[in-house]
C-alpha atoms as a PDB file:
ATOM      1  CA  VAL A   1      14.190 -38.746 134.166  1.00  0.00           C
ATOM      2  CA  PHE A   2      12.250 -38.394 130.951  1.00  0.00           C
ATOM      3  CA  ASN A   3      15.370 -37.397 129.008  1.00  0.00           C
ATOM      4  CA  ASP A   4      17.376 -40.300 130.406  1.00  0.00           C
ATOM      5  CA  THR A   5      14.624 -42.755 129.522  1.00  0.00           C
ATOM      6  CA  SER A   6      14.350 -41.306 126.004  1.00  0.00           C
ATOM      7  CA  ASP A   7      18.105 -41.490 125.494  1.00  0.00           C
ATOM      8  CA  ALA A   8      18.193 -45.103 126.611  1.00  0.00           C
ATOM      9  CA  HIS A   9      15.270 -45.983 124.373  1.00  0.00           C
ATOM     10  CA  PHE A  10      16.870 -44.181 121.430  1.00  0.00           C
ATOM     11  CA  LYS A  11      20.195 -45.967 121.955  1.00  0.00           C
ATOM     12  CA  LYS A  12      18.367 -49.294 122.096  1.00  0.00           C
ATOM     13  CA  LEU A  13      16.566 -48.540 118.848  1.00  0.00           C
ATOM     14  CA  GLN A  14      19.835 -47.408 117.280  1.00  0.00           C
ATOM     15  CA  ALA A  15      21.560 -50.639 118.321  1.00  0.00           C
ATOM     16  CA  VAL A  16      18.703 -52.712 116.919  1.00  0.00           C
ATOM     17  CA  HIS A  17      18.832 -50.745 113.656  1.00  0.00           C
ATOM     18  CA  GLU A  18      22.606 -51.181 113.352  1.00  0.00           C
ATOM     19  CA  ALA A  19      22.291 -54.895 114.044  1.00  0.00           C
ATOM     20  CA  GLU A  20      19.566 -55.271 111.430  1.00  0.00           C
ATOM     21  CA  ALA A  21      21.584 -53.211 108.941  1.00  0.00           C
ATOM     22  CA  ALA A  22      24.675 -55.332 109.531  1.00  0.00           C
ATOM     23  CA  LYS A  23      22.594 -58.493 109.127  1.00  0.00           C
ATOM     24  CA  ARG A  24      21.069 -57.162 105.911  1.00  0.00           C
ATOM     25  CA  ASP A  25      24.488 -56.138 104.527  1.00  0.00           C
ATOM     26  CA  ALA A  26      25.875 -59.569 105.336  1.00  0.00           C
ATOM     27  CA  GLU A  27      23.007 -61.226 103.509  1.00  0.00           C
ATOM     28  CA  LEU A  28      23.437 -58.933 100.507  1.00  0.00           C
ATOM     29  CA  TYR A  29      27.134 -59.689 100.449  1.00  0.00           C
ATOM     30  CA  ARG A  30      26.421 -63.428 100.579  1.00  0.00           C
ATOM     31  CA  VAL A  31      23.869 -63.196  97.762  1.00  0.00           C
ATOM     32  CA  ARG A  32      26.158 -61.073  95.648  1.00  0.00           C
ATOM     33  CA  THR A  33      29.059 -63.439  96.236  1.00  0.00           C
ATOM     34  CA  VAL A  34      26.954 -66.405  95.167  1.00  0.00           C
ATOM     35  CA  GLU A  35      25.720 -64.515  92.117  1.00  0.00           C
ATOM     36  CA  LEU A  36      29.247 -63.411  91.214  1.00  0.00           C
ATOM     37  CA  ASP A  37      30.525 -66.969  91.569  1.00  0.00           C
ATOM     38  CA  ALA A  38      27.740 -68.185  89.283  1.00  0.00           C
ATOM     39  CA  LEU A  39      28.441 -65.374  86.818  1.00  0.00           C
ATOM     40  CA  ASN A  40      32.167 -66.118  86.837  1.00  0.00           C
ATOM     41  CA  ALA A  41      31.435 -69.758  86.157  1.00  0.00           C
ATOM     42  CA  GLN A  42      29.230 -68.757  83.206  1.00  0.00           C
ATOM     43  CA  LEU A  43      31.930 -66.443  81.891  1.00  0.00           C
ATOM     44  CA  GLN A  44      34.533 -69.184  82.150  1.00  0.00           C
ATOM     45  CA  ARG A  45      32.307 -71.565  80.198  1.00  0.00           C
ATOM     46  CA  ALA A  46      31.637 -68.866  77.600  1.00  0.00           C
ATOM     47  CA  ASN A  47      35.365 -68.123  77.285  1.00  0.00           C
ATOM     48  CA  GLN A  48      36.128 -71.800  76.856  1.00  0.00           C
ATOM     49  CA  ARG A  49      33.509 -72.077  74.126  1.00  0.00           C
ATOM     50  CA  LEU A  50      34.847 -68.932  72.461  1.00  0.00           C
ATOM     51  CA  GLU A  51      38.360 -70.355  72.464  1.00  0.00           C
ATOM     52  CA  GLU A  52      37.022 -73.552  70.895  1.00  0.00           C
ATOM     53  CA  VAL A  53      35.259 -71.558  68.177  1.00  0.00           C
ATOM     54  CA  ILE A  54      38.436 -69.549  67.490  1.00  0.00           C
ATOM     55  CA  ARG A  55      40.451 -72.763  67.203  1.00  0.00           C
ATOM     56  CA  GLU A  56      37.857 -74.239  64.846  1.00  0.00           C
ATOM     57  CA  LYS A  57      37.981 -71.078  62.732  1.00  0.00           C
ATOM     58  CA  LYS A  58      41.778 -71.193  62.539  1.00  0.00           C
ATOM     59  CA  ASP A  59      41.651 -74.881  61.611  1.00  0.00           C
ATOM     60  CA  LEU A  60      39.161 -74.102  58.847  1.00  0.00           C
ATOM     61  CA  LEU A  61      41.351 -71.314  57.483  1.00  0.00           C
ATOM     62  CA  HIS A  62      44.339 -73.640  57.694  1.00  0.00           C
ATOM     63  CA  ILE A  63      42.446 -76.032  55.436  1.00  0.00           C
ATOM     64  CA  VAL A  64      41.704 -73.151  53.070  1.00  0.00           C
ATOM     65  CA  ALA A  65      45.362 -72.164  53.032  1.00  0.00           C
ATOM     66  CA  HIS A  66      46.862 -75.578  52.424  1.00  0.00           C
ATOM     67  CA  ASP A  67      44.211 -77.975  51.164  1.00  0.00           C
ATOM     68  CA  LEU A  68      42.395 -75.606  48.786  1.00  0.00           C
ATOM     69  CA  ARG A  69      44.892 -72.995  47.690  1.00  0.00           C
ATOM     70  CA  ASN A  70      47.395 -75.378  46.110  1.00  0.00           C
ATOM     71  CA  PRO A  71      44.892 -77.198  43.855  1.00  0.00           C
ATOM     72  CA  LEU A  72      43.257 -73.845  43.111  1.00  0.00           C
ATOM     73  CA  THR A  73      46.596 -72.492  41.889  1.00  0.00           C
ATOM     74  CA  ALA A  74      47.035 -75.578  39.715  1.00  0.00           C
ATOM     75  CA  LEU A  75      43.554 -75.055  38.283  1.00  0.00           C
ATOM     76  CA  LEU A  76      44.359 -71.424  37.461  1.00  0.00           C
ATOM     77  CA  LEU A  77      47.586 -72.357  35.692  1.00  0.00           C
ATOM     78  CA  THR A  78      45.919 -75.147  33.697  1.00  0.00           C
ATOM     79  CA  ALA A  79      42.992 -72.945  32.662  1.00  0.00           C
ATOM     80  CA  SER A  80      45.405 -70.170  31.636  1.00  0.00           C
ATOM     81  CA  VAL A  81      47.402 -72.555  29.434  1.00  0.00           C
ATOM     82  CA  LEU A  82      44.248 -73.940  27.825  1.00  0.00           C
ATOM     83  CA  GLU A  83      42.889 -70.457  27.167  1.00  0.00           C
ATOM     84  CA  GLU A  84      46.069 -69.490  25.319  1.00  0.00           C
ATOM     85  CA  ASP A  85      46.069 -72.678  23.233  1.00  0.00           C
ATOM     86  CA  GLU A  86      44.744 -71.796  19.758  1.00  0.00           C
ATOM     87  CA  ARG A  87      43.617 -75.377  19.116  1.00  0.00           C
ATOM     88  CA  ILE A  88      41.465 -75.366  22.254  1.00  0.00           C
ATOM     89  CA  ALA A  89      40.080 -71.938  21.451  1.00  0.00           C
ATOM     90  CA  ALA A  90      39.051 -73.144  17.989  1.00  0.00           C
ATOM     91  CA  LEU A  91      36.898 -75.972  19.341  1.00  0.00           C
ATOM     92  CA  PRO A  92      33.172 -75.139  19.375  1.00  0.00           C
ATOM     93  CA  ASP A  93      31.988 -73.997  22.824  1.00  0.00           C
ATOM     94  CA  VAL A  94      35.202 -75.188  24.510  1.00  0.00           C
ATOM     95  CA  GLY A  95      37.093 -71.893  24.447  1.00  0.00           C
ATOM     96  CA  GLY A  96      34.285 -70.049  26.193  1.00  0.00           C
ATOM     97  CA  GLN A  97      33.983 -72.729  28.855  1.00  0.00           C
ATOM     98  CA  VAL A  98      37.696 -72.524  29.598  1.00  0.00           C
ATOM     99  CA  GLY A  99      37.349 -68.775  30.064  1.00  0.00           C
ATOM    100  CA  THR A 100      34.447 -69.326  32.465  1.00  0.00           C
ATOM    101  CA  VAL A 101      36.541 -71.752  34.530  1.00  0.00           C
ATOM    102  CA  LEU A 102      39.447 -69.313  34.589  1.00  0.00           C
ATOM    103  CA  ARG A 103      37.305 -66.400  35.789  1.00  0.00           C
ATOM    104  CA  ALA A 104      35.617 -68.512  38.476  1.00  0.00           C
ATOM    105  CA  ALA A 105      38.956 -69.824  39.713  1.00  0.00           C
ATOM    106  CA  SER A 106      40.364 -66.293  39.774  1.00  0.00           C
ATOM    107  CA  ARG A 107      37.467 -65.107  41.936  1.00  0.00           C
ATOM    108  CA  MET A 108      37.946 -68.065  44.279  1.00  0.00           C
ATOM    109  CA  GLU A 109      41.655 -67.304  44.563  1.00  0.00           C
ATOM    110  CA  LEU A 110      40.923 -63.653  45.395  1.00  0.00           C
ATOM    111  CA  ILE A 111      38.366 -64.603  48.073  1.00  0.00           C
ATOM    112  CA  THR A 112      40.825 -67.102  49.572  1.00  0.00           C
ATOM    113  CA  SER A 113      43.592 -64.512  49.689  1.00  0.00           C
ATOM    114  CA  ARG A 114      41.321 -61.993  51.409  1.00  0.00           C
ATOM    115  CA  LEU A 115      40.189 -64.493  54.034  1.00  0.00           C
ATOM    116  CA  LEU A 116      43.758 -65.482  54.830  1.00  0.00           C
ATOM    117  CA  SER A 117      44.942 -61.865  54.976  1.00  0.00           C
ATOM    118  CA  SER A 118      42.076 -60.966  57.306  1.00  0.00           C
ATOM    119  CA  GLU A 119      42.912 -63.899  59.586  1.00  0.00           C
ATOM    120  CA  MET A 120      46.588 -62.890  59.714  1.00  0.00           C
ATOM    121  CA  ILE A 121      45.593 -59.353  60.668  1.00  0.00           C
ATOM    122  CA  GLU A 122      43.234 -60.567  63.409  1.00  0.00           C
ATOM    123  CA  SER A 123      45.771 -62.962  64.907  1.00  0.00           C
ATOM    124  CA  ASP A 124      48.525 -60.329  64.732  1.00  0.00           C
ATOM    125  CA  GLU A 125      50.589 -62.672  62.563  1.00  0.00           C
ATOM    126  CA  LEU A 126      50.926 -60.154  59.741  1.00  0.00           C
ATOM    127  CA  LYS A 127      54.601 -59.393  59.122  1.00  0.00           C
ATOM    128  CA  LEU A 128      55.356 -56.959  56.327  1.00  0.00           C
ATOM    129  CA  ALA A 129      58.774 -56.343  54.835  1.00  0.00           C
ATOM    130  CA  SER A 130      60.248 -52.861  54.670  1.00  0.00           C
ATOM    131  CA  GLU A 131      62.433 -52.654  51.602  1.00  0.00           C
ATOM    132  CA  PRO A 132      62.746 -50.551  48.421  1.00  0.00           C
ATOM    133  CA  VAL A 133      60.038 -51.441  45.886  1.00  0.00           C
ATOM    134  CA  GLU A 134      59.409 -50.037  42.407  1.00  0.00           C
ATOM    135  CA  PHE A 135      55.751 -49.056  42.681  1.00  0.00           C
ATOM    136  CA  ALA A 136      55.369 -48.414  38.945  1.00  0.00           C
ATOM    137  CA  ALA A 137      56.330 -51.999  38.060  1.00  0.00           C
ATOM    138  CA  ILE A 138      53.789 -53.444  40.488  1.00  0.00           C
ATOM    139  CA  ALA A 139      51.094 -51.107  39.177  1.00  0.00           C
ATOM    140  CA  ARG A 140      51.724 -52.135  35.561  1.00  0.00           C
ATOM    141  CA  GLU A 141      51.515 -55.832  36.399  1.00  0.00           C
ATOM    142  CA  ALA A 142      48.319 -55.419  38.413  1.00  0.00           C
ATOM    143  CA  ALA A 143      46.642 -53.344  35.695  1.00  0.00           C
ATOM    144  CA  ALA A 144      47.566 -55.858  32.987  1.00  0.00           C
ATOM    145  CA  GLN A 145      46.151 -58.764  34.968  1.00  0.00           C
ATOM    146  CA  HIS A 146      42.856 -57.042  35.750  1.00  0.00           C
ATOM    147  CA  ALA A 147      42.469 -55.728  32.203  1.00  0.00           C
ATOM    148  CA  ALA A 148      41.778 -59.275  31.004  1.00  0.00           C
ATOM    149  CA  ALA A 149      39.073 -59.829  33.615  1.00  0.00           C
ATOM    150  CA  ALA A 150      37.578 -56.400  32.919  1.00  0.00           C
ATOM    151  CA  ALA A 151      37.363 -57.153  29.197  1.00  0.00           C
ATOM    152  CA  GLN A 152      34.872 -59.916  29.992  1.00  0.00           C
ATOM    153  CA  LYS A 153      32.509 -57.161  31.179  1.00  0.00           C
ATOM    154  CA  ASN A 154      33.397 -54.869  28.282  1.00  0.00           C
ATOM    155  CA  ILE A 155      35.265 -52.598  30.703  1.00  0.00           C
ATOM    156  CA  ALA A 156      38.547 -50.954  29.707  1.00  0.00           C
ATOM    157  CA  VAL A 157      41.448 -50.459  32.141  1.00  0.00           C
ATOM    158  CA  THR A 158      43.660 -47.486  31.287  1.00  0.00           C
ATOM    159  CA  THR A 159      46.905 -46.484  32.976  1.00  0.00           C
ATOM    160  CA  ALA A 160      48.981 -43.325  33.263  1.00  0.00           C
ATOM    161  CA  ILE A 161      52.040 -44.383  35.230  1.00  0.00           C
ATOM    162  CA  ASP A 162      54.971 -42.107  36.047  1.00  0.00           C
ATOM    163  CA  GLU A 163      58.045 -44.177  35.247  1.00  0.00           C
ATOM    164  CA  LEU A 164      60.503 -41.957  37.125  1.00  0.00           C
ATOM    165  CA  ASP A 165      61.306 -42.125  40.814  1.00  0.00           C
ATOM    166  CA  THR A 166      58.350 -44.205  42.045  1.00  0.00           C
ATOM    167  CA  ARG A 167      60.335 -46.251  44.523  1.00  0.00           C
ATOM    168  CA  VAL A 168      58.755 -46.646  47.958  1.00  0.00           C
ATOM    169  CA  CYS A 169      59.697 -48.544  51.075  1.00  0.00           C
ATOM    170  CA  GLY A 170      57.301 -51.396  51.759  1.00  0.00           C
ATOM    171  CA  ASP A 171      56.316 -54.994  51.110  1.00  0.00           C
ATOM    172  CA  ALA A 172      55.971 -55.921  47.427  1.00  0.00           C
ATOM    173  CA  GLY A 173      53.384 -58.635  48.073  1.00  0.00           C
ATOM    174  CA  ALA A 174      51.258 -56.385  50.257  1.00  0.00           C
ATOM    175  CA  LEU A 175      51.444 -53.538  47.715  1.00  0.00           C
ATOM    176  CA  ARG A 176      50.308 -55.895  44.973  1.00  0.00           C
ATOM    177  CA  GLN A 177      47.387 -57.064  47.093  1.00  0.00           C
ATOM    178  CA  VAL A 178      46.405 -53.447  47.782  1.00  0.00           C
ATOM    179  CA  LEU A 179      46.258 -52.693  44.052  1.00  0.00           C
ATOM    180  CA  ASP A 180      44.528 -56.002  43.302  1.00  0.00           C
ATOM    181  CA  ASN A 181      41.772 -55.155  45.778  1.00  0.00           C
ATOM    182  CA  LEU A 182      41.296 -51.620  44.456  1.00  0.00           C
ATOM    183  CA  LEU A 183      41.217 -52.716  40.818  1.00  0.00           C
ATOM    184  CA  SER A 184      38.986 -55.681  41.568  1.00  0.00           C
ATOM    185  CA  ASN A 185      36.474 -53.440  43.344  1.00  0.00           C
ATOM    186  CA  ALA A 186      36.540 -50.883  40.546  1.00  0.00           C
ATOM    187  CA  VAL A 187      35.797 -53.527  37.909  1.00  0.00           C
ATOM    188  CA  LYS A 188      33.222 -55.229  40.106  1.00  0.00           C
ATOM    189  CA  TYR A 189      31.065 -52.112  40.573  1.00  0.00           C
ATOM    190  CA  SER A 190      31.566 -50.516  37.147  1.00  0.00           C
ATOM    191  CA  PRO A 191      28.852 -50.781  34.476  1.00  0.00           C
ATOM    192  CA  GLN A 192      29.569 -52.490  31.175  1.00  0.00           C
ATOM    193  CA  GLY A 193      31.129 -50.235  28.580  1.00  0.00           C
ATOM    194  CA  SER A 194      32.805 -48.014  31.171  1.00  0.00           C
ATOM    195  CA  THR A 195      36.484 -47.408  31.947  1.00  0.00           C
ATOM    196  CA  VAL A 196      38.622 -47.908  35.051  1.00  0.00           C
ATOM    197  CA  HIS A 197      41.499 -45.428  35.232  1.00  0.00           C
ATOM    198  CA  MET A 198      44.713 -46.024  37.191  1.00  0.00           C
ATOM    199  CA  THR A 199      47.293 -43.267  37.639  1.00  0.00           C
ATOM    200  CA  VAL A 200      50.636 -43.354  39.444  1.00  0.00           C
ATOM    201  CA  THR A 201      52.397 -40.060  40.092  1.00  0.00           C
ATOM    202  CA  ALA A 202      55.541 -39.120  41.965  1.00  0.00           C
ATOM    203  CA  GLY A 203      56.136 -35.674  43.390  1.00  0.00           C
ATOM    204  CA  SER A 204      56.677 -33.653  46.562  1.00  0.00           C
ATOM    205  CA  GLY A 205      58.351 -36.599  48.245  1.00  0.00           C
ATOM    206  CA  VAL A 206      55.407 -39.001  47.810  1.00  0.00           C
ATOM    207  CA  VAL A 207      54.146 -41.613  45.365  1.00  0.00           C
ATOM    208  CA  ARG A 208      50.394 -41.638  44.830  1.00  0.00           C
ATOM    209  CA  CYS A 209      48.246 -44.212  43.078  1.00  0.00           C
ATOM    210  CA  SER A 210      44.627 -43.447  42.200  1.00  0.00           C
ATOM    211  CA  VAL A 211      42.041 -45.910  40.888  1.00  0.00           C
ATOM    212  CA  ARG A 212      38.951 -44.224  39.439  1.00  0.00           C
ATOM    213  CA  ASP A 213      35.807 -45.966  38.287  1.00  0.00           C
ATOM    214  CA  GLU A 214      32.640 -44.782  36.561  1.00  0.00           C
ATOM    215  CA  GLY A 215      30.274 -46.604  38.881  1.00  0.00           C
ATOM    216  CA  PRO A 216      27.422 -45.282  41.053  1.00  0.00           C
ATOM    217  CA  GLY A 217      29.682 -43.570  43.602  1.00  0.00           C
ATOM    218  CA  LEU A 218      29.256 -43.557  47.369  1.00  0.00           C
ATOM    219  CA  THR A 219      26.428 -42.286  49.525  1.00  0.00           C
ATOM    220  CA  GLU A 220      27.015 -40.569  52.874  1.00  0.00           C
ATOM    221  CA  GLU A 221      26.093 -43.817  54.620  1.00  0.00           C
ATOM    222  CA  ASP A 222      28.636 -45.676  52.466  1.00  0.00           C
ATOM    223  CA  ARG A 223      31.357 -43.183  53.379  1.00  0.00           C
ATOM    224  CA  ARG A 224      30.719 -43.739  57.095  1.00  0.00           C
ATOM    225  CA  LYS A 225      31.131 -47.506  56.677  1.00  0.00           C
ATOM    226  CA  LEU A 226      34.041 -47.335  54.259  1.00  0.00           C
ATOM    227  CA  PHE A 227      37.124 -49.432  55.138  1.00  0.00           C
ATOM    228  CA  ARG A 228      35.257 -51.284  57.912  1.00  0.00           C
ATOM    229  CA  LYS A 229      35.480 -55.035  58.031  1.00  0.00           C
ATOM    230  CA  PHE A 230      32.511 -56.834  56.407  1.00  0.00           C
ATOM    231  CA  ALA A 231      31.003 -53.481  55.423  1.00  0.00           C
ATOM    232  CA  ARG A 232      28.167 -53.744  52.906  1.00  0.00           C
ATOM    233  CA  LEU A 233      27.825 -50.689  50.694  1.00  0.00           C
ATOM    234  CA  SER A 234      24.790 -49.600  48.713  1.00  0.00           C
ATOM    235  CA  ALA A 235      26.327 -50.370  45.300  1.00  0.00           C
ATOM    236  CA  LYS A 236      25.833 -53.871  43.889  1.00  0.00           C
ATOM    237  CA  PRO A 237      28.283 -55.803  41.694  1.00  0.00           C
ATOM    238  CA  THR A 238      27.343 -55.285  38.059  1.00  0.00           C
ATOM    239  CA  GLY A 239      28.271 -58.779  36.909  1.00  0.00           C
ATOM    240  CA  GLY A 240      26.877 -60.923  39.704  1.00  0.00           C
ATOM    241  CA  GLU A 241      30.243 -61.145  41.485  1.00  0.00           C
ATOM    242  CA  THR A 242      30.435 -62.081  45.145  1.00  0.00           C
ATOM    243  CA  SER A 243      31.701 -59.725  47.849  1.00  0.00           C
ATOM    244  CA  THR A 244      33.286 -60.655  51.181  1.00  0.00           C
ATOM    245  CA  GLY A 245      33.338 -57.089  52.531  1.00  0.00           C
ATOM    246  CA  LEU A 246      37.006 -57.560  53.426  1.00  0.00           C
ATOM    247  CA  GLY A 247      38.896 -55.974  50.533  1.00  0.00           C
ATOM    248  CA  LEU A 248      38.920 -52.332  51.620  1.00  0.00           C
ATOM    249  CA  SER A 249      39.588 -53.130  55.278  1.00  0.00           C
ATOM    250  CA  ILE A 250      42.649 -55.141  54.188  1.00  0.00           C
ATOM    251  CA  VAL A 251      43.754 -52.249  51.965  1.00  0.00           C
ATOM    252  CA  LYS A 252      43.571 -49.819  54.889  1.00  0.00           C
ATOM    253  CA  THR A 253      45.493 -52.111  57.240  1.00  0.00           C
ATOM    254  CA  PHE A 254      48.238 -52.901  54.720  1.00  0.00           C
ATOM    255  CA  VAL A 255      48.678 -49.289  53.634  1.00  0.00           C
ATOM    256  CA  GLU A 256      48.823 -47.890  57.167  1.00  0.00           C
ATOM    257  CA  ARG A 257      51.224 -50.575  58.383  1.00  0.00           C
ATOM    258  CA  MET A 258      53.576 -49.597  55.563  1.00  0.00           C
ATOM    259  CA  GLY A 259      53.409 -45.966  56.682  1.00  0.00           C
ATOM    260  CA  GLY A 260      51.043 -44.784  53.959  1.00  0.00           C
ATOM    261  CA  ARG A 261      47.544 -43.376  53.875  1.00  0.00           C
ATOM    262  CA  VAL A 262      44.388 -44.235  51.951  1.00  0.00           C
ATOM    263  CA  TRP A 263      41.240 -42.242  51.241  1.00  0.00           C
ATOM    264  CA  CYS A 264      38.349 -42.034  48.827  1.00  0.00           C
ATOM    265  CA  ASP A 265      36.857 -39.137  46.852  1.00  0.00           C
ATOM    266  CA  SER A 266      33.338 -39.813  45.667  1.00  0.00           C
ATOM    267  CA  ALA A 267      29.832 -38.484  45.261  1.00  0.00           C
ATOM    268  CA  PRO A 268      26.606 -40.318  44.402  1.00  0.00           C
ATOM    269  CA  GLY A 269      26.371 -40.859  40.664  1.00  0.00           C
ATOM    270  CA  ALA A 270      29.902 -39.600  39.984  1.00  0.00           C
ATOM    271  CA  GLY A 271      31.993 -42.723  40.460  1.00  0.00           C
ATOM    272  CA  ALA A 272      34.689 -43.182  43.104  1.00  0.00           C
ATOM    273  CA  VAL A 273      38.426 -42.501  43.276  1.00  0.00           C
ATOM    274  CA  PHE A 274      40.446 -44.545  45.761  1.00  0.00           C
ATOM    275  CA  ASN A 275      43.864 -43.092  46.543  1.00  0.00           C
ATOM    276  CA  VAL A 276      46.875 -44.608  48.284  1.00  0.00           C
ATOM    277  CA  GLU A 277      49.980 -42.581  49.040  1.00  0.00           C
ATOM    278  CA  PHE A 278      53.426 -43.527  50.329  1.00  0.00           C
ATOM    279  CA  ALA A 279      56.571 -41.599  51.098  1.00  0.00           C
ATOM    280  CA  ARG A 280      59.045 -41.861  48.239  1.00  0.00           C
ATOM    281  CA  ASP A 281      62.152 -43.873  49.096  1.00  0.00           C
ATOM    282  CA  THR A 282      65.227 -41.729  48.540  1.00  0.00           C
ATOM    283  CA  GLY A 283      67.697 -44.476  49.360  1.00  0.00           C
ATOM    284  CA  ARG A 284      69.023 -42.612  52.402  1.00  0.00           C
ATOM    285  CA  THR A 285      69.555 -44.339  55.722  1.00  0.00           C
END
């Protein structure tokens, strides 16, 4: 009798416990559902706001591309013509002012190009050609252009370019931007009176370009952040130039999308050497 009574009592307690557990689970499910609905609503509002911000950013860059770049190009051309005019250069104080305008416009044009390239990469709109390109010719043009800007800081740009068999398969515009970014960085972080060295060599089925500066070099922390977007390194521009932190990340993306590789050799106090390497185009299909 005792066992039967105990069993009945135990079953009653078990039923009560199961009922309470089911009630509690139902309440938890209801609360969680309400919370999830509220969270989903918040996420939807956040996503909508994010999409609005992205659209605003694209609109702003569109303005940069079309409403600023064209007059900026005109300003560069005008300043270049005035700088080469001997009559303008002979006027007291005018020649120097023209040079100042030209350098400022050149920096603005470089910043604009980097912003637009970064936006194209982010939006997956970057389309690069794949065609034979004479790397040596592009390197000579880039070095000549940056030599003039470097001279304003009393920095020399030297070249040792292999003229034979430097054809690669890639996009000429992207290759030029890669070299522009590397040379611009080298000049930016080099002390006055130093030299920036560019070499282009062809051998073992590859074409390699190296840009070496005599700046402060890279720390271990710098090397970990190298090629990241908006990375800020320990070195400071030696002429008060601005830095977007985009140049090296664009270099890495462009080089890798053209099937090449990029790396840096550096040590603190020993300058830095940035290398890009591409397979040599043999003309075979």
